[in-house]
Amino acid sequence: VLESEVRRLYRGTFLPGCQLPWAGVLRAQLEQSLVAVLLEVAQQSLGQQRWDEAESLLRQCLEVETWQVEGWPTLLESLRLQGKEVERNRLADVARQQFQKAGVPFDTQPTIADKR
């Protein structure tokens, strides 16, 4: 239910073609808010063992903000909990390489409390 509400409220990038400074600032703020909501709802979904919903929300979060460090480990944990080890390992390698290339520390350990 939460996933569908989040998707209903998000209508895409704010004024995607507009290059005015105020639009860029507002766009970034809206994207940060969206990412925060997606992460929070995904955490709740994981806590309620709705793994597929959490996975979907986290993938959407990472589409909006690829460099969202917290989202990656949580997505990887969601995939592990679903038994999708091959996909989890593939994405972990992709993320690790991407972050290392940029010089950003990256840990594949989840930040959620509900670990199994």
N, C-alpha and C. Protein backbone atom coordinates (compact mmCIF):
# COMPACT_ATOMS: atom_id res chain seq x y z
N VAL A 1 0.83 -1.19 0.00
CA VAL A 1 0.00 0.00 0.00
C VAL A 1 0.87 1.26 0.00
N LEU A 2 1.89 1.29 0.86
CA LEU A 2 2.77 2.45 0.91
C LEU A 2 3.50 2.66 -0.41
N GLU A 3 3.92 1.55 -1.01
CA GLU A 3 4.64 1.66 -2.28
C GLU A 3 3.77 2.34 -3.34
N SER A 4 2.52 1.94 -3.44
CA SER A 4 1.65 2.53 -4.45
C SER A 4 1.38 4.01 -4.16
N GLU A 5 1.31 4.39 -2.88
CA GLU A 5 1.12 5.79 -2.53
C GLU A 5 2.33 6.63 -2.92
N VAL A 6 3.52 6.11 -2.65
CA VAL A 6 4.74 6.83 -3.02
C VAL A 6 4.79 7.00 -4.53
N ARG A 7 4.50 5.94 -5.26
CA ARG A 7 4.53 6.01 -6.74
C ARG A 7 3.47 6.97 -7.26
N ARG A 8 2.31 7.01 -6.61
CA ARG A 8 1.24 7.91 -7.04
C ARG A 8 1.64 9.37 -6.85
N LEU A 9 2.34 9.66 -5.76
CA LEU A 9 2.72 11.03 -5.45
C LEU A 9 3.87 11.53 -6.31
N TYR A 10 4.74 10.65 -6.74
CA TYR A 10 5.90 11.07 -7.53
C TYR A 10 5.53 11.12 -9.00
N ARG A 11 5.68 12.27 -9.59
CA ARG A 11 5.29 12.45 -10.98
C ARG A 11 6.48 12.66 -11.91
N GLY A 12 7.67 12.39 -11.44
CA GLY A 12 8.85 12.52 -12.27
C GLY A 12 9.68 13.73 -11.90
N THR A 13 10.74 13.92 -12.65
CA THR A 13 11.68 15.01 -12.41
C THR A 13 11.00 16.36 -12.56
N PHE A 14 11.25 17.25 -11.64
CA PHE A 14 10.67 18.59 -11.65
C PHE A 14 11.30 19.42 -12.77
N LEU A 15 10.51 19.91 -13.68
CA LEU A 15 10.95 20.75 -14.80
C LEU A 15 12.28 20.26 -15.38
N PRO A 16 12.29 19.05 -15.96
CA PRO A 16 13.55 18.43 -16.38
C PRO A 16 14.38 19.24 -17.37
N GLY A 17 13.77 20.02 -18.22
CA GLY A 17 14.54 20.76 -19.21
C GLY A 17 14.92 22.16 -18.78
N CYS A 18 14.42 22.60 -17.65
CA CYS A 18 14.67 23.97 -17.20
C CYS A 18 16.05 24.09 -16.58
N GLN A 19 16.83 25.05 -17.06
CA GLN A 19 18.20 25.25 -16.57
C GLN A 19 18.34 26.45 -15.63
N LEU A 20 17.23 27.06 -15.25
CA LEU A 20 17.29 28.20 -14.34
C LEU A 20 17.79 27.74 -12.97
N PRO A 21 18.62 28.54 -12.31
CA PRO A 21 19.19 28.13 -11.03
C PRO A 21 18.15 27.74 -9.98
N TRP A 22 17.06 28.51 -9.85
CA TRP A 22 16.06 28.19 -8.84
C TRP A 22 15.42 26.84 -9.11
N ALA A 23 15.23 26.48 -10.37
CA ALA A 23 14.61 25.20 -10.72
C ALA A 23 15.55 24.05 -10.35
N GLY A 24 16.85 24.25 -10.60
CA GLY A 24 17.82 23.22 -10.24
C GLY A 24 17.88 22.98 -8.75
N VAL A 25 17.82 24.05 -7.97
CA VAL A 25 17.85 23.93 -6.51
C VAL A 25 16.60 23.20 -6.03
N LEU A 26 15.44 23.62 -6.52
CA LEU A 26 14.19 22.99 -6.11
C LEU A 26 14.15 21.52 -6.56
N ARG A 27 14.63 21.24 -7.76
CA ARG A 27 14.69 19.87 -8.27
C ARG A 27 15.52 19.00 -7.34
N ALA A 28 16.68 19.49 -6.94
CA ALA A 28 17.57 18.73 -6.04
C ALA A 28 16.90 18.50 -4.68
N GLN A 29 16.22 19.50 -4.16
CA GLN A 29 15.53 19.36 -2.87
C GLN A 29 14.41 18.32 -2.96
N LEU A 30 13.65 18.37 -4.05
CA LEU A 30 12.56 17.40 -4.23
C LEU A 30 13.11 15.99 -4.37
N GLU A 31 14.20 15.84 -5.10
CA GLU A 31 14.80 14.52 -5.26
C GLU A 31 15.35 13.99 -3.93
N GLN A 32 15.95 14.87 -3.13
CA GLN A 32 16.43 14.46 -1.81
C GLN A 32 15.27 14.01 -0.92
N SER A 33 14.17 14.74 -0.99
CA SER A 33 12.98 14.37 -0.20
C SER A 33 12.43 13.03 -0.66
N LEU A 34 12.37 12.83 -1.97
CA LEU A 34 11.87 11.57 -2.51
C LEU A 34 12.74 10.41 -2.05
N VAL A 35 14.06 10.57 -2.16
CA VAL A 35 14.98 9.51 -1.75
C VAL A 35 14.79 9.19 -0.27
N ALA A 36 14.65 10.20 0.57
CA ALA A 36 14.45 9.98 2.00
C ALA A 36 13.16 9.19 2.26
N VAL A 37 12.09 9.55 1.56
CA VAL A 37 10.82 8.84 1.73
C VAL A 37 10.94 7.40 1.23
N LEU A 38 11.54 7.22 0.07
CA LEU A 38 11.71 5.87 -0.48
C LEU A 38 12.51 4.99 0.47
N LEU A 39 13.60 5.53 1.04
CA LEU A 39 14.40 4.75 1.98
C LEU A 39 13.61 4.40 3.24
N GLU A 40 12.86 5.36 3.75
CA GLU A 40 12.07 5.12 4.96
C GLU A 40 11.00 4.05 4.72
N VAL A 41 10.28 4.17 3.62
CA VAL A 41 9.23 3.20 3.31
C VAL A 41 9.84 1.83 3.02
N ALA A 42 10.99 1.80 2.36
CA ALA A 42 11.68 0.53 2.10
C ALA A 42 12.10 -0.13 3.41
N GLN A 43 12.61 0.67 4.35
CA GLN A 43 12.99 0.13 5.66
C GLN A 43 11.77 -0.48 6.36
N GLN A 44 10.65 0.21 6.29
CA GLN A 44 9.42 -0.31 6.89
C GLN A 44 9.00 -1.61 6.20
N SER A 45 9.10 -1.64 4.89
CA SER A 45 8.74 -2.85 4.14
C SER A 45 9.62 -4.03 4.54
N LEU A 46 10.91 -3.77 4.68
CA LEU A 46 11.83 -4.84 5.10
C LEU A 46 11.47 -5.32 6.50
N GLY A 47 11.17 -4.38 7.38
CA GLY A 47 10.79 -4.73 8.75
C GLY A 47 9.52 -5.57 8.80
N GLN A 48 8.67 -5.41 7.80
CA GLN A 48 7.42 -6.18 7.73
C GLN A 48 7.55 -7.38 6.79
N GLN A 49 8.78 -7.68 6.40
CA GLN A 49 9.11 -8.82 5.55
C GLN A 49 8.42 -8.77 4.19
N ARG A 50 8.25 -7.56 3.68
CA ARG A 50 7.72 -7.39 2.31
C ARG A 50 8.92 -7.09 1.41
N TRP A 51 9.71 -8.15 1.17
CA TRP A 51 10.99 -8.02 0.48
C TRP A 51 10.86 -7.45 -0.92
N ASP A 52 9.88 -7.95 -1.69
CA ASP A 52 9.75 -7.49 -3.08
C ASP A 52 9.37 -6.01 -3.15
N GLU A 53 8.53 -5.57 -2.24
CA GLU A 53 8.16 -4.15 -2.20
C GLU A 53 9.38 -3.30 -1.84
N ALA A 54 10.15 -3.75 -0.87
CA ALA A 54 11.37 -3.02 -0.48
C ALA A 54 12.34 -2.95 -1.65
N GLU A 55 12.50 -4.06 -2.34
CA GLU A 55 13.40 -4.09 -3.50
C GLU A 55 12.97 -3.06 -4.54
N SER A 56 11.69 -3.03 -4.85
CA SER A 56 11.17 -2.10 -5.85
C SER A 56 11.40 -0.65 -5.43
N LEU A 57 11.13 -0.34 -4.18
CA LEU A 57 11.33 1.02 -3.68
C LEU A 57 12.80 1.43 -3.71
N LEU A 58 13.66 0.51 -3.33
CA LEU A 58 15.09 0.80 -3.32
C LEU A 58 15.64 0.98 -4.73
N ARG A 59 15.14 0.19 -5.66
CA ARG A 59 15.58 0.36 -7.05
C ARG A 59 15.14 1.73 -7.57
N GLN A 60 13.93 2.15 -7.20
CA GLN A 60 13.46 3.48 -7.62
C GLN A 60 14.33 4.56 -6.97
N CYS A 61 14.67 4.38 -5.72
CA CYS A 61 15.53 5.32 -5.01
C CYS A 61 16.86 5.47 -5.73
N LEU A 62 17.44 4.35 -6.14
CA LEU A 62 18.75 4.39 -6.78
C LEU A 62 18.68 4.87 -8.22
N GLU A 63 17.50 4.82 -8.83
CA GLU A 63 17.32 5.43 -10.15
C GLU A 63 17.37 6.94 -10.02
N VAL A 64 16.79 7.46 -8.94
CA VAL A 64 16.77 8.91 -8.72
C VAL A 64 18.15 9.38 -8.28
N GLU A 65 18.79 8.65 -7.38
CA GLU A 65 20.08 9.04 -6.82
C GLU A 65 21.01 7.84 -6.77
N THR A 66 21.73 7.62 -7.86
CA THR A 66 22.63 6.46 -7.98
C THR A 66 23.67 6.42 -6.88
N TRP A 67 24.11 7.57 -6.41
CA TRP A 67 25.18 7.64 -5.40
C TRP A 67 24.64 7.59 -3.98
N GLN A 68 23.41 7.19 -3.81
CA GLN A 68 22.80 7.11 -2.49
C GLN A 68 23.43 5.92 -1.75
N VAL A 69 24.41 6.19 -0.91
CA VAL A 69 25.21 5.15 -0.28
C VAL A 69 24.36 4.23 0.59
N GLU A 70 23.40 4.75 1.32
CA GLU A 70 22.57 3.92 2.21
C GLU A 70 21.66 2.97 1.43
N GLY A 71 21.22 3.38 0.26
CA GLY A 71 20.29 2.57 -0.50
C GLY A 71 20.88 1.26 -1.02
N TRP A 72 22.14 1.30 -1.41
CA TRP A 72 22.77 0.10 -1.99
C TRP A 72 22.82 -1.07 -1.03
N PRO A 73 23.38 -0.93 0.19
CA PRO A 73 23.43 -2.08 1.10
C PRO A 73 22.04 -2.59 1.47
N THR A 74 21.09 -1.67 1.57
CA THR A 74 19.73 -2.09 1.93
C THR A 74 19.11 -2.88 0.79
N LEU A 75 19.34 -2.46 -0.46
CA LEU A 75 18.87 -3.23 -1.61
C LEU A 75 19.52 -4.60 -1.63
N LEU A 76 20.82 -4.64 -1.38
CA LEU A 76 21.52 -5.92 -1.38
C LEU A 76 20.97 -6.85 -0.30
N GLU A 77 20.63 -6.30 0.85
CA GLU A 77 20.05 -7.11 1.92
C GLU A 77 18.67 -7.62 1.51
N SER A 78 17.89 -6.77 0.87
CA SER A 78 16.56 -7.19 0.40
C SER A 78 16.68 -8.36 -0.58
N LEU A 79 17.64 -8.27 -1.48
CA LEU A 79 17.84 -9.36 -2.45
C LEU A 79 18.28 -10.64 -1.74
N ARG A 80 19.15 -10.49 -0.73
CA ARG A 80 19.60 -11.66 0.03
C ARG A 80 18.43 -12.33 0.73
N LEU A 81 17.57 -11.52 1.34
CA LEU A 81 16.42 -12.06 2.06
C LEU A 81 15.43 -12.76 1.13
N GLN A 82 15.44 -12.38 -0.14
CA GLN A 82 14.57 -13.02 -1.13
C GLN A 82 15.23 -14.24 -1.77
N GLY A 83 16.48 -14.50 -1.40
CA GLY A 83 17.19 -15.63 -1.98
C GLY A 83 17.74 -15.35 -3.37
N LYS A 84 17.86 -14.09 -3.73
CA LYS A 84 18.37 -13.69 -5.05
C LYS A 84 19.86 -13.42 -4.95
N GLU A 85 20.64 -14.43 -4.58
CA GLU A 85 22.06 -14.27 -4.33
C GLU A 85 22.85 -13.88 -5.58
N VAL A 86 22.51 -14.45 -6.73
CA VAL A 86 23.25 -14.13 -7.96
C VAL A 86 23.07 -12.65 -8.30
N GLU A 87 21.85 -12.16 -8.26
CA GLU A 87 21.57 -10.75 -8.53
C GLU A 87 22.23 -9.86 -7.48
N ARG A 88 22.17 -10.28 -6.23
CA ARG A 88 22.77 -9.53 -5.14
C ARG A 88 24.28 -9.38 -5.36
N ASN A 89 24.94 -10.49 -5.67
CA ASN A 89 26.38 -10.45 -5.87
C ASN A 89 26.77 -9.62 -7.08
N ARG A 90 25.98 -9.70 -8.14
CA ARG A 90 26.25 -8.92 -9.34
C ARG A 90 26.14 -7.42 -9.03
N LEU A 91 25.06 -7.03 -8.36
CA LEU A 91 24.88 -5.62 -8.02
C LEU A 91 25.91 -5.14 -7.02
N ALA A 92 26.30 -5.98 -6.08
CA ALA A 92 27.33 -5.60 -5.11
C ALA A 92 28.63 -5.29 -5.82
N ASP A 93 29.00 -6.11 -6.81
CA ASP A 93 30.22 -5.88 -7.57
C ASP A 93 30.14 -4.57 -8.37
N VAL A 94 28.99 -4.35 -9.01
CA VAL A 94 28.80 -3.12 -9.79
C VAL A 94 28.92 -1.90 -8.88
N ALA A 95 28.23 -1.93 -7.74
CA ALA A 95 28.25 -0.79 -6.82
C ALA A 95 29.65 -0.57 -6.25
N ARG A 96 30.30 -1.64 -5.85
CA ARG A 96 31.64 -1.53 -5.28
C ARG A 96 32.60 -0.89 -6.28
N GLN A 97 32.56 -1.34 -7.53
CA GLN A 97 33.43 -0.78 -8.56
C GLN A 97 33.11 0.70 -8.82
N GLN A 98 31.82 1.01 -8.88
CA GLN A 98 31.39 2.38 -9.15
C GLN A 98 31.87 3.32 -8.04
N PHE A 99 31.69 2.92 -6.80
CA PHE A 99 32.09 3.76 -5.69
C PHE A 99 33.61 3.85 -5.56
N GLN A 100 34.31 2.74 -5.76
CA GLN A 100 35.77 2.76 -5.68
C GLN A 100 36.36 3.66 -6.76
N LYS A 101 35.80 3.58 -7.95
CA LYS A 101 36.28 4.41 -9.07
C LYS A 101 36.16 5.89 -8.73
N ALA A 102 35.09 6.23 -7.98
CA ALA A 102 34.87 7.63 -7.61
C ALA A 102 35.58 8.00 -6.31
N GLY A 103 36.25 7.02 -5.68
CA GLY A 103 36.94 7.29 -4.42
C GLY A 103 36.01 7.44 -3.23
N VAL A 104 34.83 6.85 -3.32
CA VAL A 104 33.84 6.93 -2.25
C VAL A 104 33.83 5.61 -1.48
N PRO A 105 33.98 5.65 -0.15
CA PRO A 105 33.93 4.40 0.62
C PRO A 105 32.57 3.71 0.44
N PHE A 106 32.61 2.41 0.32
CA PHE A 106 31.36 1.66 0.11
C PHE A 106 31.41 0.37 0.91
N ASP A 107 30.36 0.13 1.66
CA ASP A 107 30.23 -1.06 2.48
C ASP A 107 28.95 -1.77 2.07
N THR A 108 29.03 -3.06 1.83
CA THR A 108 27.84 -3.79 1.40
C THR A 108 26.99 -4.26 2.57
N GLN A 109 27.36 -3.90 3.78
CA GLN A 109 26.57 -4.31 4.93
C GLN A 109 25.33 -3.44 5.05
N PRO A 110 24.18 -4.04 5.33
CA PRO A 110 22.93 -3.27 5.42
C PRO A 110 22.92 -2.39 6.65
N THR A 111 22.10 -1.36 6.58
CA THR A 111 21.95 -0.44 7.69
C THR A 111 20.66 -0.69 8.45
N ILE A 112 19.95 -1.75 8.10
CA ILE A 112 18.67 -2.02 8.75
C ILE A 112 18.87 -2.85 10.00
N ALA A 113 17.93 -2.75 10.91
CA ALA A 113 18.01 -3.49 12.16
C ALA A 113 17.59 -4.94 11.97
N ASP A 114 16.72 -5.22 11.01
CA ASP A 114 16.16 -6.55 10.82
C ASP A 114 17.06 -7.40 9.93
N LYS A 115 18.16 -7.89 10.48
CA LYS A 115 19.05 -8.77 9.73
C LYS A 115 18.79 -10.19 10.16
N ARG A 116 18.90 -11.10 9.21
CA ARG A 116 18.70 -12.52 9.52
C ARG A 116 19.97 -13.29 9.39
